[in-house]
Amino acid sequence: MPDIWDSKDQLEVKVGRFRLYFKKRYKLITTVNDLLIGMLFVAGSCLNFYSATETFGNVLYLCGSLFLVGRPGLRIMHDASLRKEMKDSDNYTPN
């Protein structure tokens, strides 16, 4: 099981002897979301080649499409957290 440390500026994941650093939590979530979208669409494409697994392939396509719909929501959450950090900083000047 990987060890995960969360600080204000970055998320650190230690897996074995390696450490992965992510600048923000939402960047990690967005990257995992994009990987899942790709894997679901590739698996759905492969399963649609055979009529016996065509229905399951269509379900994977639907799941991939739902993950695509979630991408703008993740981007909005990321932008909102950035704005909050900017507002809390000393040099914030609203328009």
Foldseek 3Di string as FASTA:
>chain_A
DWDWDDDPQWIWTDDPPDIDIGRDPLVVVLVVLVVLLVVLQVVLVVQCVDPVRNVVSVVSNVVSVVSVVCNVVSVVVVVVVVVVVLVPDPPRDDD
